[in-house]
């Protein structure tokens, strides 16, 4: 019998609302699946036909350890090469170079330079998850100070103009499994001006089902196609987070290929589509 493993982080399985839905979908498909902790030394990873990376939300401070683990798993989705590329948000530069519209971004590797023109800014480390250590600033000096504090801790930064439409229409998250559109959701604004940088993990989000436009789905499909070409590998899952800027242009906020929530409770078909994509991958 085909065996799947859903890889999570220690202490995160109970908070991952997708896991029981994925396990139930695997049962319906006649598969055996288990929730396993990625850094548990007792797990025999080669006993599984496929290991699917899910809520490994503790990887950020242990990224190299996490990636080293990924290299040892014989059949991993998404692959170790994908995880290395996607866990550093500088991947956005490659997508932008391939004409995927992203939110304009100033990158700081060793020093914070001038802020991009804006009324408000979002500052975040390039390696983070769940909006951790991310904040929204209206005061230029506080935005610069945030960036400098991250760099002082050895963490390169990215600074973006705040997209005002997030406060009204939110972000649109579009899920593709095996390259095929599954479902979408609306994520409400997470950041409040002047708040301290957020902690990890960020689990209390305003999420609702959303019917995406044809333009949004096409945008997501192209972003995933470009990433697939760059990485020269298929993707079991991809979450494309899209926002609309002031002139109506769709822009990529993030392309989540590592440990994104699928928000399966907001769709009747998503969990089964994940399992179907896993079977196709096998």
C-alpha atoms as a PDB file:
ATOM      1  CA  UNK A   1       0.000   0.000   0.000  1.00  0.00           C
ATOM      2  CA  UNK A   2       1.235   3.496  -0.850  1.00  0.00           C
ATOM      3  CA  UNK A   3       2.471   5.360   2.221  1.00  0.00           C
ATOM      4  CA  UNK A   4       2.521   9.150   2.522  1.00  0.00           C
ATOM      5  CA  UNK A   5       4.060  11.252   5.265  1.00  0.00           C
ATOM      6  CA  UNK A   6       2.926  14.750   6.112  1.00  0.00           C
ATOM      7  CA  UNK A   7       6.002  16.457   7.584  1.00  0.00           C
ATOM      8  CA  UNK A   8       5.396  18.960  10.370  1.00  0.00           C
ATOM      9  CA  UNK A   9       7.400  20.702  13.082  1.00  0.00           C
ATOM     10  CA  UNK A  10       7.461  19.617  16.709  1.00  0.00           C
ATOM     11  CA  UNK A  11       4.474  21.156  18.459  1.00  0.00           C
ATOM     12  CA  UNK A  12       2.806  22.429  15.286  1.00  0.00           C
ATOM     13  CA  UNK A  13       0.658  19.486  14.213  1.00  0.00           C
ATOM     14  CA  UNK A  14      -2.265  20.469  16.442  1.00  0.00           C
ATOM     15  CA  UNK A  15      -2.242  23.999  15.028  1.00  0.00           C
ATOM     16  CA  UNK A  16      -2.210  22.860  11.404  1.00  0.00           C
ATOM     17  CA  UNK A  17      -5.871  22.655  10.400  1.00  0.00           C
ATOM     18  CA  UNK A  18      -4.939  21.129   7.038  1.00  0.00           C
ATOM     19  CA  UNK A  19      -3.437  17.924   8.455  1.00  0.00           C
ATOM     20  CA  UNK A  20      -6.622  16.076   9.506  1.00  0.00           C
ATOM     21  CA  UNK A  21      -8.259  16.972   6.190  1.00  0.00           C
ATOM     22  CA  UNK A  22      -5.258  15.689   4.245  1.00  0.00           C
ATOM     23  CA  UNK A  23      -5.196  12.465   6.269  1.00  0.00           C
ATOM     24  CA  UNK A  24      -8.916  11.937   5.645  1.00  0.00           C
ATOM     25  CA  UNK A  25      -8.447  12.546   1.915  1.00  0.00           C
ATOM     26  CA  UNK A  26      -5.630  10.008   1.813  1.00  0.00           C
ATOM     27  CA  UNK A  27      -7.897   7.491   3.568  1.00  0.00           C
ATOM     28  CA  UNK A  28     -10.610   8.066   0.950  1.00  0.00           C
ATOM     29  CA  UNK A  29      -8.052   7.360  -1.761  1.00  0.00           C
ATOM     30  CA  UNK A  30      -7.046   4.098  -0.094  1.00  0.00           C
ATOM     31  CA  UNK A  31      -3.644   5.383   1.009  1.00  0.00           C
ATOM     32  CA  UNK A  32      -1.857   5.130   4.318  1.00  0.00           C
ATOM     33  CA  UNK A  33      -0.641   8.483   5.619  1.00  0.00           C
ATOM     34  CA  UNK A  34       1.018   9.638   8.817  1.00  0.00           C
ATOM     35  CA  UNK A  35       1.888  12.959  10.409  1.00  0.00           C
ATOM     36  CA  UNK A  36       5.604  12.939  11.238  1.00  0.00           C
ATOM     37  CA  UNK A  37       8.007  15.489  12.731  1.00  0.00           C
ATOM     38  CA  UNK A  38      10.771  16.436  10.337  1.00  0.00           C
ATOM     39  CA  UNK A  39      13.611  16.383  12.878  1.00  0.00           C
ATOM     40  CA  UNK A  40      12.558  13.199  14.678  1.00  0.00           C
ATOM     41  CA  UNK A  41      15.638  10.931  14.450  1.00  0.00           C
ATOM     42  CA  UNK A  42      13.497   7.805  14.822  1.00  0.00           C
ATOM     43  CA  UNK A  43      11.641   8.310  11.522  1.00  0.00           C
ATOM     44  CA  UNK A  44      12.683   6.071   8.627  1.00  0.00           C
ATOM     45  CA  UNK A  45      12.095   8.393   5.700  1.00  0.00           C
ATOM     46  CA  UNK A  46      12.848   5.804   3.044  1.00  0.00           C
ATOM     47  CA  UNK A  47       9.830   3.809   4.245  1.00  0.00           C
ATOM     48  CA  UNK A  48       7.495   6.343   2.623  1.00  0.00           C
ATOM     49  CA  UNK A  49       6.589   6.542  -1.035  1.00  0.00           C
ATOM     50  CA  UNK A  50       6.327  10.323  -0.695  1.00  0.00           C
ATOM     51  CA  UNK A  51       7.058  12.812   2.094  1.00  0.00           C
ATOM     52  CA  UNK A  52       5.105  16.053   1.752  1.00  0.00           C
ATOM     53  CA  UNK A  53       6.499  19.103   3.552  1.00  0.00           C
ATOM     54  CA  UNK A  54       3.723  20.802   5.465  1.00  0.00           C
ATOM     55  CA  UNK A  55       3.835  22.776   8.719  1.00  0.00           C
ATOM     56  CA  UNK A  56       7.598  22.783   9.317  1.00  0.00           C
ATOM     57  CA  UNK A  57       7.222  26.263  10.754  1.00  0.00           C
ATOM     58  CA  UNK A  58      10.272  26.000  13.003  1.00  0.00           C
ATOM     59  CA  UNK A  59      12.733  25.946  10.105  1.00  0.00           C
ATOM     60  CA  UNK A  60      13.612  29.660  10.031  1.00  0.00           C
ATOM     61  CA  UNK A  61      16.235  29.768  12.830  1.00  0.00           C
ATOM     62  CA  UNK A  62      17.453  26.316  11.728  1.00  0.00           C
ATOM     63  CA  UNK A  63      17.326  26.726   7.971  1.00  0.00           C
ATOM     64  CA  UNK A  64      20.573  24.947   7.132  1.00  0.00           C
ATOM     65  CA  UNK A  65      19.649  22.042   9.398  1.00  0.00           C
ATOM     66  CA  UNK A  66      16.221  21.872   7.745  1.00  0.00           C
ATOM     67  CA  UNK A  67      17.713  21.899   4.253  1.00  0.00           C
ATOM     68  CA  UNK A  68      20.287  19.273   5.209  1.00  0.00           C
ATOM     69  CA  UNK A  69      17.426  17.072   6.413  1.00  0.00           C
ATOM     70  CA  UNK A  70      15.551  17.655   3.151  1.00  0.00           C
ATOM     71  CA  UNK A  71      18.568  16.434   1.187  1.00  0.00           C
ATOM     72  CA  UNK A  72      18.413  13.089   3.011  1.00  0.00           C
ATOM     73  CA  UNK A  73      14.752  12.322   2.218  1.00  0.00           C
ATOM     74  CA  UNK A  74      14.586  10.066  -0.852  1.00  0.00           C
ATOM     75  CA  UNK A  75      11.176  11.193  -2.125  1.00  0.00           C
ATOM     76  CA  UNK A  76      10.306  14.698  -0.932  1.00  0.00           C
ATOM     77  CA  UNK A  77       7.744  17.203  -2.185  1.00  0.00           C
ATOM     78  CA  UNK A  78       8.479  19.880  -2.746  1.00  0.00           C
ATOM     79  CA  UNK A  79      12.091  18.879  -3.351  1.00  0.00           C
ATOM     80  CA  UNK A  80      15.122  19.977  -1.346  1.00  0.00           C
ATOM     81  CA  UNK A  81      16.271  22.183  -4.245  1.00  0.00           C
ATOM     82  CA  UNK A  82      12.904  23.929  -4.282  1.00  0.00           C
ATOM     83  CA  UNK A  83      13.043  24.457  -0.516  1.00  0.00           C
ATOM     84  CA  UNK A  84      16.522  25.999  -0.691  1.00  0.00           C
ATOM     85  CA  UNK A  85      15.413  28.416  -3.416  1.00  0.00           C
ATOM     86  CA  UNK A  86      12.085  29.312  -1.833  1.00  0.00           C
ATOM     87  CA  UNK A  87      13.113  29.769   1.800  1.00  0.00           C
ATOM     88  CA  UNK A  88      15.055  32.916   0.903  1.00  0.00           C
ATOM     89  CA  UNK A  89      12.733  35.579  -0.484  1.00  0.00           C
ATOM     90  CA  UNK A  90      15.418  36.830  -2.845  1.00  0.00           C
ATOM     91  CA  UNK A  91      13.866  34.270  -5.219  1.00  0.00           C
ATOM     92  CA  UNK A  92      11.495  37.129  -6.061  1.00  0.00           C
ATOM     93  CA  UNK A  93      14.323  38.819  -7.969  1.00  0.00           C
ATOM     94  CA  UNK A  94      14.525  35.894 -10.370  1.00  0.00           C
ATOM     95  CA  UNK A  95      10.790  35.974 -10.942  1.00  0.00           C
ATOM     96  CA  UNK A  96      10.896  39.728 -11.518  1.00  0.00           C
ATOM     97  CA  UNK A  97      13.708  39.251 -14.033  1.00  0.00           C
ATOM     98  CA  UNK A  98      11.398  36.836 -15.855  1.00  0.00           C
ATOM     99  CA  UNK A  99       8.700  39.535 -16.072  1.00  0.00           C
ATOM    100  CA  UNK A 100       6.549  38.359 -13.171  1.00  0.00           C
ATOM    101  CA  UNK A 101       5.286  41.570 -11.550  1.00  0.00           C
ATOM    102  CA  UNK A 102       6.248  41.727  -7.874  1.00  0.00           C
ATOM    103  CA  UNK A 103       5.709  44.426  -5.270  1.00  0.00           C
ATOM    104  CA  UNK A 104       8.608  46.896  -5.796  1.00  0.00           C
ATOM    105  CA  UNK A 105      11.344  45.903  -3.378  1.00  0.00           C
ATOM    106  CA  UNK A 106      14.545  47.410  -2.001  1.00  0.00           C
ATOM    107  CA  UNK A 107      16.985  44.680  -0.963  1.00  0.00           C
ATOM    108  CA  UNK A 108      19.590  45.264   1.750  1.00  0.00           C
ATOM    109  CA  UNK A 109      22.365  42.742   2.253  1.00  0.00           C
ATOM    110  CA  UNK A 110      24.842  44.653   4.405  1.00  0.00           C
ATOM    111  CA  UNK A 111      23.410  48.146   4.871  1.00  0.00           C
ATOM    112  CA  UNK A 112      20.011  49.822   4.697  1.00  0.00           C
ATOM    113  CA  UNK A 113      19.822  52.395   1.954  1.00  0.00           C
ATOM    114  CA  UNK A 114      17.167  54.997   1.243  1.00  0.00           C
ATOM    115  CA  UNK A 115      13.556  53.863   1.400  1.00  0.00           C
ATOM    116  CA  UNK A 116      11.584  53.480  -1.830  1.00  0.00           C
ATOM    117  CA  UNK A 117       9.012  56.260  -2.431  1.00  0.00           C
ATOM    118  CA  UNK A 118       5.869  55.524  -0.406  1.00  0.00           C
ATOM    119  CA  UNK A 119       3.599  56.751   2.363  1.00  0.00           C
ATOM    120  CA  UNK A 120       4.146  53.569   4.349  1.00  0.00           C
ATOM    121  CA  UNK A 121       6.625  50.716   4.209  1.00  0.00           C
ATOM    122  CA  UNK A 122       6.822  47.049   5.098  1.00  0.00           C
ATOM    123  CA  UNK A 123      10.177  45.800   6.368  1.00  0.00           C
ATOM    124  CA  UNK A 124      10.921  42.101   6.714  1.00  0.00           C
ATOM    125  CA  UNK A 125      13.879  39.702   6.747  1.00  0.00           C
ATOM    126  CA  UNK A 126      14.450  37.796   3.528  1.00  0.00           C
ATOM    127  CA  UNK A 127      14.336  34.528   5.467  1.00  0.00           C
ATOM    128  CA  UNK A 128      11.155  34.343   7.529  1.00  0.00           C
ATOM    129  CA  UNK A 129       7.781  32.609   7.732  1.00  0.00           C
ATOM    130  CA  UNK A 130       4.338  33.584   8.938  1.00  0.00           C
ATOM    131  CA  UNK A 131       5.148  37.320   8.763  1.00  0.00           C
ATOM    132  CA  UNK A 132       7.634  36.874  11.610  1.00  0.00           C
ATOM    133  CA  UNK A 133       9.791  39.929  12.347  1.00  0.00           C
ATOM    134  CA  UNK A 134       7.772  41.900   9.779  1.00  0.00           C
ATOM    135  CA  UNK A 135       6.312  45.345  10.470  1.00  0.00           C
ATOM    136  CA  UNK A 136       4.532  48.228   8.753  1.00  0.00           C
ATOM    137  CA  UNK A 137       5.836  51.748   9.291  1.00  0.00           C
ATOM    138  CA  UNK A 138       4.596  55.243   8.422  1.00  0.00           C
ATOM    139  CA  UNK A 139       7.651  56.959   9.914  1.00  0.00           C
ATOM    140  CA  UNK A 140      10.748  56.671   7.701  1.00  0.00           C
ATOM    141  CA  UNK A 141      13.201  56.587  10.581  1.00  0.00           C
ATOM    142  CA  UNK A 142      11.380  53.702  12.269  1.00  0.00           C
ATOM    143  CA  UNK A 143      11.386  51.738   9.014  1.00  0.00           C
ATOM    144  CA  UNK A 144      15.123  52.339   8.638  1.00  0.00           C
ATOM    145  CA  UNK A 145      15.727  51.446  12.271  1.00  0.00           C
ATOM    146  CA  UNK A 146      13.873  48.158  11.829  1.00  0.00           C
ATOM    147  CA  UNK A 147      15.985  47.294   8.800  1.00  0.00           C
ATOM    148  CA  UNK A 148      19.204  48.181  10.601  1.00  0.00           C
ATOM    149  CA  UNK A 149      18.280  46.016  13.601  1.00  0.00           C
ATOM    150  CA  UNK A 150      17.700  43.022  11.327  1.00  0.00           C
ATOM    151  CA  UNK A 151      21.011  43.575   9.552  1.00  0.00           C
ATOM    152  CA  UNK A 152      22.791  43.907  12.888  1.00  0.00           C
ATOM    153  CA  UNK A 153      21.482  40.425  13.708  1.00  0.00           C
ATOM    154  CA  UNK A 154      22.925  39.119  10.440  1.00  0.00           C
ATOM    155  CA  UNK A 155      19.610  39.020   8.608  1.00  0.00           C
ATOM    156  CA  UNK A 156      19.373  40.622   5.131  1.00  0.00           C
ATOM    157  CA  UNK A 157      16.200  42.638   4.615  1.00  0.00           C
ATOM    158  CA  UNK A 158      13.613  43.642   2.069  1.00  0.00           C
ATOM    159  CA  UNK A 159      11.590  46.843   2.161  1.00  0.00           C
ATOM    160  CA  UNK A 160       8.428  47.387   0.140  1.00  0.00           C
ATOM    161  CA  UNK A 161       5.825  50.128  -0.196  1.00  0.00           C
ATOM    162  CA  UNK A 162       2.692  49.091   1.671  1.00  0.00           C
ATOM    163  CA  UNK A 163      -0.031  48.114  -0.823  1.00  0.00           C
ATOM    164  CA  UNK A 164      -3.119  50.048   0.294  1.00  0.00           C
ATOM    165  CA  UNK A 165      -5.560  47.616  -1.331  1.00  0.00           C
ATOM    166  CA  UNK A 166      -4.605  45.013   1.283  1.00  0.00           C
ATOM    167  CA  UNK A 167      -6.607  47.031   3.837  1.00  0.00           C
ATOM    168  CA  UNK A 168      -9.742  46.937   1.684  1.00  0.00           C
ATOM    169  CA  UNK A 169      -9.722  43.849  -0.543  1.00  0.00           C
ATOM    170  CA  UNK A 170      -6.969  41.880   1.193  1.00  0.00           C
ATOM    171  CA  UNK A 171      -4.607  39.464  -0.469  1.00  0.00           C
ATOM    172  CA  UNK A 172      -5.770  36.666  -2.753  1.00  0.00           C
ATOM    173  CA  UNK A 173      -4.110  33.327  -2.159  1.00  0.00           C
ATOM    174  CA  UNK A 174      -4.351  30.946  -5.103  1.00  0.00           C
ATOM    175  CA  UNK A 175      -3.553  27.241  -4.653  1.00  0.00           C
ATOM    176  CA  UNK A 176      -2.225  25.029  -7.426  1.00  0.00           C
ATOM    177  CA  UNK A 177      -1.623  21.316  -6.868  1.00  0.00           C
ATOM    178  CA  UNK A 178       0.433  19.522  -9.486  1.00  0.00           C
ATOM    179  CA  UNK A 179       0.280  22.696 -11.546  1.00  0.00           C
ATOM    180  CA  UNK A 180      -3.530  22.715 -11.617  1.00  0.00           C
ATOM    181  CA  UNK A 181      -5.701  25.394 -10.021  1.00  0.00           C
ATOM    182  CA  UNK A 182      -7.559  24.132  -6.965  1.00  0.00           C
ATOM    183  CA  UNK A 183      -9.094  26.969  -4.949  1.00  0.00           C
ATOM    184  CA  UNK A 184      -8.476  30.444  -3.576  1.00  0.00           C
ATOM    185  CA  UNK A 185      -8.979  32.422  -0.403  1.00  0.00           C
ATOM    186  CA  UNK A 186      -8.966  35.982   0.841  1.00  0.00           C
ATOM    187  CA  UNK A 187      -6.508  36.962   3.543  1.00  0.00           C
ATOM    188  CA  UNK A 188      -7.275  40.128   5.488  1.00  0.00           C
ATOM    189  CA  UNK A 189      -4.659  42.711   6.418  1.00  0.00           C
ATOM    190  CA  UNK A 190      -2.141  41.414   8.961  1.00  0.00           C
ATOM    191  CA  UNK A 191      -0.038  44.492   9.654  1.00  0.00           C
ATOM    192  CA  UNK A 192      -1.040  47.562  11.640  1.00  0.00           C
ATOM    193  CA  UNK A 193       0.985  50.733  11.262  1.00  0.00           C
ATOM    194  CA  UNK A 194       3.595  51.131  13.970  1.00  0.00           C
ATOM    195  CA  UNK A 195       3.110  47.751  15.648  1.00  0.00           C
ATOM    196  CA  UNK A 196       6.133  45.834  16.848  1.00  0.00           C
ATOM    197  CA  UNK A 197       7.419  43.214  14.399  1.00  0.00           C
ATOM    198  CA  UNK A 198       5.207  40.157  14.440  1.00  0.00           C
ATOM    199  CA  UNK A 199       6.027  36.842  16.097  1.00  0.00           C
ATOM    200  CA  UNK A 200       6.065  33.276  14.766  1.00  0.00           C
ATOM    201  CA  UNK A 201       3.961  31.415  13.924  1.00  0.00           C
ATOM    202  CA  UNK A 202       1.143  33.662  12.765  1.00  0.00           C
ATOM    203  CA  UNK A 203      -1.883  31.396  12.954  1.00  0.00           C
ATOM    204  CA  UNK A 204      -4.743  33.795  13.710  1.00  0.00           C
ATOM    205  CA  UNK A 205      -5.489  35.206  10.296  1.00  0.00           C
ATOM    206  CA  UNK A 206      -8.677  36.574   8.755  1.00  0.00           C
ATOM    207  CA  UNK A 207      -9.242  33.944   6.055  1.00  0.00           C
ATOM    208  CA  UNK A 208     -12.324  33.529   3.865  1.00  0.00           C
ATOM    209  CA  UNK A 209     -13.100  31.636   0.695  1.00  0.00           C
ATOM    210  CA  UNK A 210     -12.764  33.711  -2.484  1.00  0.00           C
ATOM    211  CA  UNK A 211     -13.639  33.126  -6.121  1.00  0.00           C
ATOM    212  CA  UNK A 212     -10.619  34.482  -7.996  1.00  0.00           C
ATOM    213  CA  UNK A 213     -10.891  36.280 -11.297  1.00  0.00           C
ATOM    214  CA  UNK A 214      -9.702  34.620 -14.485  1.00  0.00           C
ATOM    215  CA  UNK A 215      -6.920  37.213 -14.594  1.00  0.00           C
ATOM    216  CA  UNK A 216      -5.761  36.276 -11.095  1.00  0.00           C
ATOM    217  CA  UNK A 217      -5.722  32.557 -11.912  1.00  0.00           C
ATOM    218  CA  UNK A 218      -3.785  33.202 -15.130  1.00  0.00           C
ATOM    219  CA  UNK A 219      -1.304  35.353 -13.200  1.00  0.00           C
ATOM    220  CA  UNK A 220      -0.807  32.569 -10.645  1.00  0.00           C
ATOM    221  CA  UNK A 221      -0.416  29.896 -13.303  1.00  0.00           C
ATOM    222  CA  UNK A 222       2.246  31.935 -15.072  1.00  0.00           C
ATOM    223  CA  UNK A 223       4.166  32.604 -11.849  1.00  0.00           C
ATOM    224  CA  UNK A 224       4.214  28.875 -11.119  1.00  0.00           C
ATOM    225  CA  UNK A 225       5.203  28.049 -14.702  1.00  0.00           C
ATOM    226  CA  UNK A 226       8.128  30.493 -14.509  1.00  0.00           C
ATOM    227  CA  UNK A 227       9.267  29.031 -11.179  1.00  0.00           C
ATOM    228  CA  UNK A 228       9.008  25.512 -12.604  1.00  0.00           C
ATOM    229  CA  UNK A 229      11.200  26.544 -15.521  1.00  0.00           C
ATOM    230  CA  UNK A 230      13.771  28.255 -13.270  1.00  0.00           C
ATOM    231  CA  UNK A 231      13.951  25.240 -10.959  1.00  0.00           C
ATOM    232  CA  UNK A 232      13.663  22.662 -13.735  1.00  0.00           C
ATOM    233  CA  UNK A 233      11.371  20.505 -11.622  1.00  0.00           C
ATOM    234  CA  UNK A 234       7.683  19.877 -11.076  1.00  0.00           C
ATOM    235  CA  UNK A 235       5.939  21.297  -8.019  1.00  0.00           C
ATOM    236  CA  UNK A 236       3.496  19.271  -5.972  1.00  0.00           C
ATOM    237  CA  UNK A 237       1.993  22.412  -4.489  1.00  0.00           C
ATOM    238  CA  UNK A 238       2.258  26.155  -4.872  1.00  0.00           C
ATOM    239  CA  UNK A 239       0.461  29.021  -3.182  1.00  0.00           C
ATOM    240  CA  UNK A 240       0.524  32.292  -5.069  1.00  0.00           C
ATOM    241  CA  UNK A 241      -0.263  35.338  -2.914  1.00  0.00           C
ATOM    242  CA  UNK A 242      -1.473  38.189  -5.125  1.00  0.00           C
ATOM    243  CA  UNK A 243      -2.273  41.842  -4.415  1.00  0.00           C
ATOM    244  CA  UNK A 244      -3.580  44.681  -6.569  1.00  0.00           C
ATOM    245  CA  UNK A 245      -1.636  47.944  -6.621  1.00  0.00           C
ATOM    246  CA  UNK A 246      -3.052  51.454  -6.952  1.00  0.00           C
ATOM    247  CA  UNK A 247      -3.278  51.342 -10.758  1.00  0.00           C
ATOM    248  CA  UNK A 248      -4.956  47.938 -10.828  1.00  0.00           C
ATOM    249  CA  UNK A 249      -1.846  45.912 -11.657  1.00  0.00           C
ATOM    250  CA  UNK A 250      -1.687  42.424 -10.167  1.00  0.00           C
ATOM    251  CA  UNK A 251       1.535  41.863  -8.239  1.00  0.00           C
ATOM    252  CA  UNK A 252       3.066  38.843  -6.591  1.00  0.00           C
ATOM    253  CA  UNK A 253       3.441  39.192  -2.850  1.00  0.00           C
ATOM    254  CA  UNK A 254       4.963  35.750  -2.355  1.00  0.00           C
ATOM    255  CA  UNK A 255       5.198  32.413  -4.118  1.00  0.00           C
ATOM    256  CA  UNK A 256       4.902  29.868  -1.304  1.00  0.00           C
ATOM    257  CA  UNK A 257       6.521  26.534  -2.184  1.00  0.00           C
ATOM    258  CA  UNK A 258       7.753  25.382   1.230  1.00  0.00           C
ATOM    259  CA  UNK A 259       5.244  25.259   4.090  1.00  0.00           C
ATOM    260  CA  UNK A 260       2.184  27.340   3.215  1.00  0.00           C
ATOM    261  CA  UNK A 261      -1.180  26.749   4.794  1.00  0.00           C
ATOM    262  CA  UNK A 262      -3.626  25.506   2.168  1.00  0.00           C
ATOM    263  CA  UNK A 263      -6.692  26.641   4.180  1.00  0.00           C
ATOM    264  CA  UNK A 264      -8.492  23.465   3.177  1.00  0.00           C
ATOM    265  CA  UNK A 265     -11.374  24.144   5.559  1.00  0.00           C
ATOM    266  CA  UNK A 266     -12.525  26.799   3.071  1.00  0.00           C
ATOM    267  CA  UNK A 267     -12.890  24.386   0.148  1.00  0.00           C
ATOM    268  CA  UNK A 268     -14.679  21.079  -0.375  1.00  0.00           C
ATOM    269  CA  UNK A 269     -12.229  19.870  -3.020  1.00  0.00           C
ATOM    270  CA  UNK A 270      -8.764  21.011  -1.973  1.00  0.00           C
ATOM    271  CA  UNK A 271      -7.688  18.068   0.211  1.00  0.00           C
ATOM    272  CA  UNK A 272      -8.663  15.511  -2.418  1.00  0.00           C
ATOM    273  CA  UNK A 273      -6.794  17.511  -5.042  1.00  0.00           C
ATOM    274  CA  UNK A 274      -3.618  17.453  -2.958  1.00  0.00           C
ATOM    275  CA  UNK A 275      -3.817  13.661  -2.737  1.00  0.00           C
ATOM    276  CA  UNK A 276      -4.591  13.361  -6.450  1.00  0.00           C
ATOM    277  CA  UNK A 277      -1.515  15.475  -7.223  1.00  0.00           C
ATOM    278  CA  UNK A 278       0.581  13.298  -4.907  1.00  0.00           C
ATOM    279  CA  UNK A 279      -0.564  10.172  -6.735  1.00  0.00           C
ATOM    280  CA  UNK A 280       0.308  11.746 -10.071  1.00  0.00           C
ATOM    281  CA  UNK A 281       3.746  12.637  -8.688  1.00  0.00           C
ATOM    282  CA  UNK A 282       4.269   9.001  -7.729  1.00  0.00           C
END
